[in-house]
């Protein structure tokens, strides 16, 4: 599947400002990751350390928290990962897509609403 981006609205579930960012849609990523500077500006609290494995097999540890995520009119409070310092990229992962009830059309490279999920 080719990679593509989508517009994502990110906010604090407690209220306040929201920001729109362009984020890479990555179904191989479990969780969404946003720049630490963005999450700090939204006063997203660091809740817990999140240990994971990157595609190259290296082990990493990042902070995670909860943010309000909106895509194409759908929104949900989702776990987000605070990206590494100096990395301004944003990624939407598979759990966020599932919570927002989207599936990926790999041919047209778009997100489509879905009404069915595996339970």
Protein backbone atom coordinates (compact mmCIF):
# COMPACT_ATOMS: atom_id res chain seq x y z
CA UNK A 1 0.00 0.00 0.00
CA UNK A 2 1.27 3.47 -0.80
CA UNK A 3 1.35 6.00 1.95
CA UNK A 4 -1.00 8.94 2.12
CA UNK A 5 -1.90 11.70 4.53
CA UNK A 6 -5.14 13.01 5.97
CA UNK A 7 -6.15 16.09 7.92
CA UNK A 8 -6.49 15.39 11.64
CA UNK A 9 -7.89 17.67 14.34
CA UNK A 10 -6.14 17.22 17.70
CA UNK A 11 -7.40 18.63 20.99
CA UNK A 12 -7.48 18.18 24.73
CA UNK A 13 -10.48 16.11 25.87
CA UNK A 14 -10.93 18.62 28.72
CA UNK A 15 -11.52 21.42 26.19
CA UNK A 16 -9.58 24.37 24.86
CA UNK A 17 -7.83 24.89 21.57
CA UNK A 18 -7.61 22.36 18.76
CA UNK A 19 -5.06 22.18 15.98
CA UNK A 20 -5.29 20.68 12.50
CA UNK A 21 -2.31 18.76 11.19
CA UNK A 22 -1.54 16.61 8.18
CA UNK A 23 -0.79 13.10 9.39
CA UNK A 24 0.52 10.01 7.65
CA UNK A 25 -1.98 7.15 7.71
CA UNK A 26 -0.02 4.10 8.89
CA UNK A 27 -1.99 0.90 9.49
CA UNK A 28 1.25 -0.74 10.61
CA UNK A 29 1.44 1.61 13.60
CA UNK A 30 -0.65 0.60 16.59
CA UNK A 31 -1.12 4.07 18.05
CA UNK A 32 -1.09 7.61 16.74
CA UNK A 33 1.95 9.80 17.34
CA UNK A 34 2.10 13.58 17.31
CA UNK A 35 4.90 16.08 17.93
CA UNK A 36 5.59 16.62 21.62
CA UNK A 37 5.48 20.38 21.02
CA UNK A 38 1.89 20.10 19.70
CA UNK A 39 0.68 17.91 22.56
CA UNK A 40 2.38 20.19 25.11
CA UNK A 41 0.70 23.25 23.53
CA UNK A 42 -2.65 21.51 24.01
CA UNK A 43 -1.78 20.68 27.65
CA UNK A 44 -2.13 16.95 27.02
CA UNK A 45 -0.96 15.25 30.22
CA UNK A 46 1.72 12.59 30.07
CA UNK A 47 -0.03 9.61 31.64
CA UNK A 48 2.32 6.66 31.27
CA UNK A 49 5.46 5.41 29.58
CA UNK A 50 4.75 3.44 26.45
CA UNK A 51 7.30 0.84 25.40
CA UNK A 52 7.27 -0.36 21.84
CA UNK A 53 9.21 -1.88 18.99
CA UNK A 54 9.91 0.01 15.77
CA UNK A 55 9.79 -1.58 12.32
CA UNK A 56 13.58 -2.01 12.39
CA UNK A 57 13.31 -4.02 15.63
CA UNK A 58 14.71 -1.36 17.94
CA UNK A 59 13.07 -0.88 21.33
CA UNK A 60 11.80 2.59 22.27
CA UNK A 61 10.05 4.22 25.21
CA UNK A 62 7.81 7.27 24.79
CA UNK A 63 5.26 9.06 26.92
CA UNK A 64 1.60 8.50 26.11
CA UNK A 65 -1.51 10.46 26.95
CA UNK A 66 -5.10 10.93 25.80
CA UNK A 67 -6.19 13.39 23.13
CA UNK A 68 -9.39 14.18 21.29
CA UNK A 69 -8.85 13.14 17.66
CA UNK A 70 -11.13 14.16 14.81
CA UNK A 71 -11.11 13.03 11.18
CA UNK A 72 -13.82 13.82 8.63
CA UNK A 73 -16.43 14.73 11.25
CA UNK A 74 -15.82 11.72 13.50
CA UNK A 75 -14.06 12.17 16.83
CA UNK A 76 -12.97 10.08 19.79
CA UNK A 77 -10.63 10.28 22.75
CA UNK A 78 -7.62 8.15 21.83
CA UNK A 79 -4.27 7.19 23.29
CA UNK A 80 -1.53 9.20 21.62
CA UNK A 81 2.23 8.92 21.74
CA UNK A 82 4.45 11.96 22.35
CA UNK A 83 6.82 11.93 19.39
CA UNK A 84 10.59 12.11 19.77
CA UNK A 85 12.05 15.57 20.35
CA UNK A 86 12.77 17.35 17.08
CA UNK A 87 10.40 15.17 15.05
CA UNK A 88 7.48 17.23 13.73
CA UNK A 89 5.77 14.38 11.89
CA UNK A 90 2.30 13.12 12.78
CA UNK A 91 1.06 9.55 12.30
CA UNK A 92 -2.45 8.11 12.58
CA UNK A 93 -2.28 4.49 13.72
CA UNK A 94 -4.67 1.58 13.46
CA UNK A 95 -6.31 1.86 16.90
CA UNK A 96 -7.30 5.47 16.19
CA UNK A 97 -8.75 4.44 12.82
CA UNK A 98 -10.71 1.64 14.50
CA UNK A 99 -12.06 3.93 17.21
CA UNK A 100 -13.20 6.43 14.58
CA UNK A 101 -14.72 3.60 12.48
CA UNK A 102 -12.58 4.13 9.38
CA UNK A 103 -11.08 1.61 7.01
CA UNK A 104 -8.32 2.26 4.51
CA UNK A 105 -8.96 1.98 0.79
CA UNK A 106 -5.44 1.09 -0.39
CA UNK A 107 -6.22 1.53 -4.08
CA UNK A 108 -7.70 5.04 -3.87
CA UNK A 109 -5.56 5.90 -0.81
CA UNK A 110 -8.46 7.34 1.19
CA UNK A 111 -10.21 6.66 4.48
CA UNK A 112 -13.74 5.30 4.24
CA UNK A 113 -16.35 5.06 7.00
CA UNK A 114 -17.19 1.56 8.09
CA UNK A 115 -20.22 0.33 9.96
CA UNK A 116 -18.86 -3.12 10.71
CA UNK A 117 -15.95 -4.14 12.86
CA UNK A 118 -14.81 -7.50 14.15
CA UNK A 119 -15.80 -7.90 17.76
